[in-house]
């Protein structure tokens, strides 16, 4: 197993165990970024947040960890 495979498995396990906390952190970061930009880029921030959640959620091949 390569380093990348081991790292992906470790991140997948963390997402399985702490998906709700990760989602909360992404939402807080998005809110802060939206606040700092005065709402100018809210659609792009929302799109990026959703893409990050989706990518993390599918690390283990299932979409069941992050809402």
PDB file of N, CA and C in Angstrom:
ATOM      1  N   UNK A   1       0.847  -1.169   0.000  1.00  0.00           N
ATOM      2  CA  UNK A   1       0.000   0.000   0.000  1.00  0.00           C
ATOM      3  C   UNK A   1       0.898   1.238   0.000  1.00  0.00           C
ATOM      4  N   UNK A   2       0.605   2.139  -0.906  1.00  0.00           N
ATOM      5  CA  UNK A   2       1.423   3.346  -1.030  1.00  0.00           C
ATOM      6  C   UNK A   2       1.062   4.366   0.051  1.00  0.00           C
ATOM      7  N   UNK A   3       1.902   5.366   0.176  1.00  0.00           N
ATOM      8  CA  UNK A   3       1.657   6.434   1.145  1.00  0.00           C
ATOM      9  C   UNK A   3       0.316   7.099   0.868  1.00  0.00           C
ATOM     10  N   UNK A   4       0.023   7.364  -0.409  1.00  0.00           N
ATOM     11  CA  UNK A   4      -1.224   8.023  -0.759  1.00  0.00           C
ATOM     12  C   UNK A   4      -2.426   7.184  -0.339  1.00  0.00           C
ATOM     13  N   UNK A   5      -2.365   5.875  -0.566  1.00  0.00           N
ATOM     14  CA  UNK A   5      -3.468   4.991  -0.184  1.00  0.00           C
ATOM     15  C   UNK A   5      -3.675   4.989   1.330  1.00  0.00           C
ATOM     16  N   UNK A   6      -2.574   4.974   2.074  1.00  0.00           N
ATOM     17  CA  UNK A   6      -2.675   5.006   3.534  1.00  0.00           C
ATOM     18  C   UNK A   6      -3.264   6.329   4.016  1.00  0.00           C
ATOM     19  N   UNK A   7      -2.824   7.435   3.404  1.00  0.00           N
ATOM     20  CA  UNK A   7      -3.334   8.755   3.790  1.00  0.00           C
ATOM     21  C   UNK A   7      -4.818   8.872   3.465  1.00  0.00           C
ATOM     22  N   UNK A   8      -5.215   8.367   2.304  1.00  0.00           N
ATOM     23  CA  UNK A   8      -6.623   8.421   1.913  1.00  0.00           C
ATOM     24  C   UNK A   8      -7.480   7.595   2.871  1.00  0.00           C
ATOM     25  N   UNK A   9      -6.982   6.449   3.279  1.00  0.00           N
ATOM     26  CA  UNK A   9      -7.716   5.614   4.223  1.00  0.00           C
ATOM     27  C   UNK A   9      -7.843   6.300   5.582  1.00  0.00           C
ATOM     28  N   UNK A  10      -6.771   6.956   6.022  1.00  0.00           N
ATOM     29  CA  UNK A  10      -6.803   7.650   7.306  1.00  0.00           C
ATOM     30  C   UNK A  10      -7.787   8.819   7.280  1.00  0.00           C
ATOM     31  N   UNK A  11      -7.782   9.571   6.199  1.00  0.00           N
ATOM     32  CA  UNK A  11      -8.720  10.693   6.075  1.00  0.00           C
ATOM     33  C   UNK A  11     -10.149  10.155   5.979  1.00  0.00           C
ATOM     34  N   UNK A  12     -10.336   9.070   5.258  1.00  0.00           N
ATOM     35  CA  UNK A  12     -11.663   8.459   5.155  1.00  0.00           C
ATOM     36  C   UNK A  12     -12.189   8.022   6.505  1.00  0.00           C
ATOM     37  N   UNK A  13     -11.321   7.446   7.330  1.00  0.00           N
ATOM     38  CA  UNK A  13     -11.727   7.040   8.678  1.00  0.00           C
ATOM     39  C   UNK A  13     -12.102   8.253   9.522  1.00  0.00           C
ATOM     40  N   UNK A  14     -11.323   9.315   9.412  1.00  0.00           N
ATOM     41  CA  UNK A  14     -11.622  10.537  10.171  1.00  0.00           C
ATOM     42  C   UNK A  14     -12.965  11.120   9.741  1.00  0.00           C
ATOM     43  N   UNK A  15     -13.237  11.103   8.448  1.00  0.00           N
ATOM     44  CA  UNK A  15     -14.514  11.623   7.962  1.00  0.00           C
ATOM     45  C   UNK A  15     -15.658  10.740   8.448  1.00  0.00           C
ATOM     46  N   UNK A  16     -15.458   9.423   8.462  1.00  0.00           N
ATOM     47  CA  UNK A  16     -16.487   8.520   8.968  1.00  0.00           C
ATOM     48  C   UNK A  16     -16.811   8.814  10.434  1.00  0.00           C
ATOM     49  N   UNK A  17     -15.781   9.055  11.220  1.00  0.00           N
ATOM     50  CA  UNK A  17     -15.966   9.255  12.655  1.00  0.00           C
ATOM     51  C   UNK A  17     -16.425  10.662  13.011  1.00  0.00           C
ATOM     52  N   UNK A  18     -15.974  11.662  12.260  1.00  0.00           N
ATOM     53  CA  UNK A  18     -16.196  13.054  12.652  1.00  0.00           C
ATOM     54  C   UNK A  18     -16.809  13.888  11.535  1.00  0.00           C
ATOM     55  N   UNK A  19     -17.602  13.279  10.676  1.00  0.00           N
ATOM     56  CA  UNK A  19     -18.193  13.979   9.547  1.00  0.00           C
ATOM     57  C   UNK A  19     -19.026  15.184   9.937  1.00  0.00           C
ATOM     58  N   UNK A  20     -19.773  15.065  11.035  1.00  0.00           N
ATOM     59  CA  UNK A  20     -20.612  16.181  11.464  1.00  0.00           C
ATOM     60  C   UNK A  20     -19.773  17.373  11.908  1.00  0.00           C
ATOM     61  N   UNK A  21     -18.676  17.106  12.599  1.00  0.00           N
ATOM     62  CA  UNK A  21     -17.795  18.189  13.050  1.00  0.00           C
ATOM     63  C   UNK A  21     -17.076  18.836  11.865  1.00  0.00           C
ATOM     64  N   UNK A  22     -16.692  18.034  10.894  1.00  0.00           N
ATOM     65  CA  UNK A  22     -16.032  18.560   9.698  1.00  0.00           C
ATOM     66  C   UNK A  22     -17.005  19.450   8.925  1.00  0.00           C
ATOM     67  N   UNK A  23     -18.250  19.001   8.787  1.00  0.00           N
ATOM     68  CA  UNK A  23     -19.261  19.797   8.086  1.00  0.00           C
ATOM     69  C   UNK A  23     -19.497  21.127   8.805  1.00  0.00           C
ATOM     70  N   UNK A  24     -19.554  21.088  10.135  1.00  0.00           N
ATOM     71  CA  UNK A  24     -19.722  22.322  10.907  1.00  0.00           C
ATOM     72  C   UNK A  24     -18.553  23.273  10.672  1.00  0.00           C
ATOM     73  N   UNK A  25     -17.341  22.737  10.643  1.00  0.00           N
ATOM     74  CA  UNK A  25     -16.155  23.561  10.399  1.00  0.00           C
ATOM     75  C   UNK A  25     -16.173  24.187   9.021  1.00  0.00           C
ATOM     76  N   UNK A  26     -16.582  23.425   8.022  1.00  0.00           N
ATOM     77  CA  UNK A  26     -16.680  23.969   6.666  1.00  0.00           C
ATOM     78  C   UNK A  26     -17.735  25.067   6.603  1.00  0.00           C
ATOM     79  N   UNK A  27     -18.855  24.857   7.286  1.00  0.00           N
ATOM     80  CA  UNK A  27     -19.908  25.871   7.305  1.00  0.00           C
ATOM     81  C   UNK A  27     -19.446  27.151   8.001  1.00  0.00           C
ATOM     82  N   UNK A  28     -18.716  27.002   9.100  1.00  0.00           N
ATOM     83  CA  UNK A  28     -18.193  28.174   9.813  1.00  0.00           C
ATOM     84  C   UNK A  28     -17.179  28.923   8.959  1.00  0.00           C
ATOM     85  N   UNK A  29     -16.314  28.185   8.274  1.00  0.00           N
ATOM     86  CA  UNK A  29     -15.322  28.824   7.395  1.00  0.00           C
ATOM     87  C   UNK A  29     -16.026  29.557   6.249  1.00  0.00           C
ATOM     88  N   UNK A  30     -17.068  28.955   5.697  1.00  0.00           N
ATOM     89  CA  UNK A  30     -17.811  29.598   4.619  1.00  0.00           C
ATOM     90  C   UNK A  30     -18.498  30.863   5.114  1.00  0.00           C
ATOM     91  N   UNK A  31     -19.074  30.804   6.302  1.00  0.00           N
ATOM     92  CA  UNK A  31     -19.742  31.980   6.872  1.00  0.00           C
ATOM     93  C   UNK A  31     -18.737  33.113   7.099  1.00  0.00           C
ATOM     94  N   UNK A  32     -17.559  32.764   7.585  1.00  0.00           N
ATOM     95  CA  UNK A  32     -16.538  33.781   7.830  1.00  0.00           C
ATOM     96  C   UNK A  32     -16.064  34.396   6.506  1.00  0.00           C
ATOM     97  N   UNK A  33     -15.845  33.564   5.514  1.00  0.00           N
ATOM     98  CA  UNK A  33     -15.417  34.071   4.217  1.00  0.00           C
ATOM     99  C   UNK A  33     -16.495  34.963   3.607  1.00  0.00           C
ATOM    100  N   UNK A  34     -17.742  34.563   3.757  1.00  0.00           N
ATOM    101  CA  UNK A  34     -18.849  35.351   3.241  1.00  0.00           C
ATOM    102  C   UNK A  34     -18.935  36.697   3.961  1.00  0.00           C
ATOM    103  N   UNK A  35     -18.709  36.683   5.258  1.00  0.00           N
ATOM    104  CA  UNK A  35     -18.724  37.914   6.039  1.00  0.00           C
ATOM    105  C   UNK A  35     -17.581  38.843   5.628  1.00  0.00           C
ATOM    106  N   UNK A  36     -16.401  38.273   5.463  1.00  0.00           N
ATOM    107  CA  UNK A  36     -15.225  39.079   5.117  1.00  0.00           C
ATOM    108  C   UNK A  36     -15.337  39.705   3.727  1.00  0.00           C
ATOM    109  N   UNK A  37     -16.050  39.037   2.822  1.00  0.00           N
ATOM    110  CA  UNK A  37     -16.203  39.579   1.472  1.00  0.00           C
ATOM    111  C   UNK A  37     -17.467  40.406   1.328  1.00  0.00           C
ATOM    112  N   UNK A  38     -18.182  40.586   2.421  1.00  0.00           N
ATOM    113  CA  UNK A  38     -19.400  41.385   2.365  1.00  0.00           C
ATOM    114  C   UNK A  38     -20.504  40.755   1.543  1.00  0.00           C
ATOM    115  N   UNK A  39     -20.475  39.454   1.385  1.00  0.00           N
ATOM    116  CA  UNK A  39     -21.505  38.748   0.633  1.00  0.00           C
ATOM    117  C   UNK A  39     -21.349  38.826  -0.876  1.00  0.00           C
ATOM    118  N   UNK A  40     -20.269  39.439  -1.351  1.00  0.00           N
ATOM    119  CA  UNK A  40     -20.068  39.599  -2.794  1.00  0.00           C
ATOM    120  C   UNK A  40     -19.928  38.267  -3.518  1.00  0.00           C
ATOM    121  N   UNK A  41     -19.369  37.289  -2.846  1.00  0.00           N
ATOM    122  CA  UNK A  41     -19.066  36.009  -3.486  1.00  0.00           C
ATOM    123  C   UNK A  41     -19.814  34.853  -2.823  1.00  0.00           C
ATOM    124  N   UNK A  42     -20.981  35.124  -2.277  1.00  0.00           N
ATOM    125  CA  UNK A  42     -21.695  34.102  -1.513  1.00  0.00           C
ATOM    126  C   UNK A  42     -22.043  32.872  -2.348  1.00  0.00           C
ATOM    127  N   UNK A  43     -22.397  33.053  -3.607  1.00  0.00           N
ATOM    128  CA  UNK A  43     -22.729  31.903  -4.451  1.00  0.00           C
ATOM    129  C   UNK A  43     -21.504  31.023  -4.693  1.00  0.00           C
ATOM    130  N   UNK A  44     -20.359  31.654  -4.926  1.00  0.00           N
ATOM    131  CA  UNK A  44     -19.128  30.890  -5.152  1.00  0.00           C
ATOM    132  C   UNK A  44     -18.682  30.194  -3.876  1.00  0.00           C
ATOM    133  N   UNK A  45     -18.839  30.856  -2.742  1.00  0.00           N
ATOM    134  CA  UNK A  45     -18.466  30.255  -1.457  1.00  0.00           C
ATOM    135  C   UNK A  45     -19.357  29.057  -1.171  1.00  0.00           C
ATOM    136  N   UNK A  46     -20.645  29.198  -1.410  1.00  0.00           N
ATOM    137  CA  UNK A  46     -21.580  28.087  -1.190  1.00  0.00           C
ATOM    138  C   UNK A  46     -21.259  26.912  -2.110  1.00  0.00           C
ATOM    139  N   UNK A  47     -20.940  27.226  -3.360  1.00  0.00           N
ATOM    140  CA  UNK A  47     -20.599  26.168  -4.326  1.00  0.00           C
ATOM    141  C   UNK A  47     -19.322  25.440  -3.902  1.00  0.00           C
ATOM    142  N   UNK A  48     -18.327  26.195  -3.459  1.00  0.00           N
ATOM    143  CA  UNK A  48     -17.068  25.588  -3.011  1.00  0.00           C
ATOM    144  C   UNK A  48     -17.243  24.752  -1.761  1.00  0.00           C
ATOM    145  N   UNK A  49     -18.063  25.231  -0.845  1.00  0.00           N
ATOM    146  CA  UNK A  49     -18.333  24.483   0.383  1.00  0.00           C
ATOM    147  C   UNK A  49     -19.035  23.170   0.061  1.00  0.00           C
ATOM    148  N   UNK A  50     -20.017  23.231  -0.808  1.00  0.00           N
ATOM    149  CA  UNK A  50     -20.739  22.016  -1.199  1.00  0.00           C
ATOM    150  C   UNK A  50     -19.802  21.029  -1.904  1.00  0.00           C
ATOM    151  N   UNK A  51     -18.921  21.534  -2.747  1.00  0.00           N
ATOM    152  CA  UNK A  51     -17.972  20.664  -3.452  1.00  0.00           C
ATOM    153  C   UNK A  51     -16.993  20.017  -2.471  1.00  0.00           C
ATOM    154  N   UNK A  52     -16.534  20.773  -1.486  1.00  0.00           N
ATOM    155  CA  UNK A  52     -15.614  20.218  -0.482  1.00  0.00           C
ATOM    156  C   UNK A  52     -16.301  19.136   0.341  1.00  0.00           C
ATOM    157  N   UNK A  53     -17.534  19.391   0.750  1.00  0.00           N
ATOM    158  CA  UNK A  53     -18.280  18.390   1.521  1.00  0.00           C
ATOM    159  C   UNK A  53     -18.503  17.134   0.692  1.00  0.00           C
ATOM    160  N   UNK A  54     -18.863  17.308  -0.573  1.00  0.00           N
ATOM    161  CA  UNK A  54     -19.115  16.169  -1.452  1.00  0.00           C
ATOM    162  C   UNK A  54     -17.850  15.342  -1.655  1.00  0.00           C
ATOM    163  N   UNK A  55     -16.731  16.009  -1.887  1.00  0.00           N
ATOM    164  CA  UNK A  55     -15.468  15.291  -2.097  1.00  0.00           C
ATOM    165  C   UNK A  55     -15.049  14.524  -0.851  1.00  0.00           C
ATOM    166  N   UNK A  56     -15.163  15.144   0.299  1.00  0.00           N
ATOM    167  CA  UNK A  56     -14.805  14.450   1.543  1.00  0.00           C
ATOM    168  C   UNK A  56     -15.753  13.296   1.816  1.00  0.00           C
ATOM    169  N   UNK A  57     -17.021  13.497   1.524  1.00  0.00           N
ATOM    170  CA  UNK A  57     -18.014  12.468   1.787  1.00  0.00           C
ATOM    171  C   UNK A  57     -17.791  11.223   0.940  1.00  0.00           C
ATOM    172  N   UNK A  58     -17.312  11.401  -0.281  1.00  0.00           N
ATOM    173  CA  UNK A  58     -17.137  10.267  -1.181  1.00  0.00           C
ATOM    174  C   UNK A  58     -15.773   9.604  -1.087  1.00  0.00           C
ATOM    175  N   UNK A  59     -14.958   9.970  -0.118  1.00  0.00           N
ATOM    176  CA  UNK A  59     -13.635   9.359   0.002  1.00  0.00           C
ATOM    177  C   UNK A  59     -13.709   7.847   0.189  1.00  0.00           C
ATOM    178  N   UNK A  60     -14.714   7.384   0.896  1.00  0.00           N
ATOM    179  CA  UNK A  60     -14.821   5.950   1.144  1.00  0.00           C
ATOM    180  C   UNK A  60     -15.732   5.248   0.128  1.00  0.00           C
ATOM    181  N   UNK A  61     -16.138   5.974  -0.914  1.00  0.00           N
ATOM    182  CA  UNK A  61     -16.962   5.359  -1.952  1.00  0.00           C
ATOM    183  C   UNK A  61     -18.446   5.425  -1.659  1.00  0.00           C
ATOM    184  N   UNK A  62     -18.823   5.986  -0.522  1.00  0.00           N
ATOM    185  CA  UNK A  62     -20.233   6.111  -0.148  1.00  0.00           C
ATOM    186  C   UNK A  62     -20.512   7.565   0.204  1.00  0.00           C
ATOM    187  N   UNK A  63     -21.706   7.998  -0.092  1.00  0.00           N
ATOM    188  CA  UNK A  63     -22.099   9.353   0.279  1.00  0.00           C
ATOM    189  C   UNK A  63     -23.001   9.280   1.517  1.00  0.00           C
ATOM    190  N   UNK A  64     -22.366   9.169   2.670  1.00  0.00           N
ATOM    191  CA  UNK A  64     -23.171   8.975   3.869  1.00  0.00           C
ATOM    192  C   UNK A  64     -22.595   9.646   5.115  1.00  0.00           C
ATOM    193  N   UNK A  65     -21.523  10.390   4.989  1.00  0.00           N
ATOM    194  CA  UNK A  65     -20.827  10.887   6.181  1.00  0.00           C
ATOM    195  C   UNK A  65     -21.075  12.356   6.485  1.00  0.00           C
ATOM    196  N   UNK A  66     -21.176  13.189   5.481  1.00  0.00           N
ATOM    197  CA  UNK A  66     -21.296  14.626   5.679  1.00  0.00           C
ATOM    198  C   UNK A  66     -22.596  15.104   5.065  1.00  0.00           C
ATOM    199  N   UNK A  67     -23.301  15.913   5.816  1.00  0.00           N
ATOM    200  CA  UNK A  67     -24.592  16.430   5.336  1.00  0.00           C
ATOM    201  C   UNK A  67     -24.476  17.898   5.086  1.00  0.00           C
TER     202      UNK A  67
END
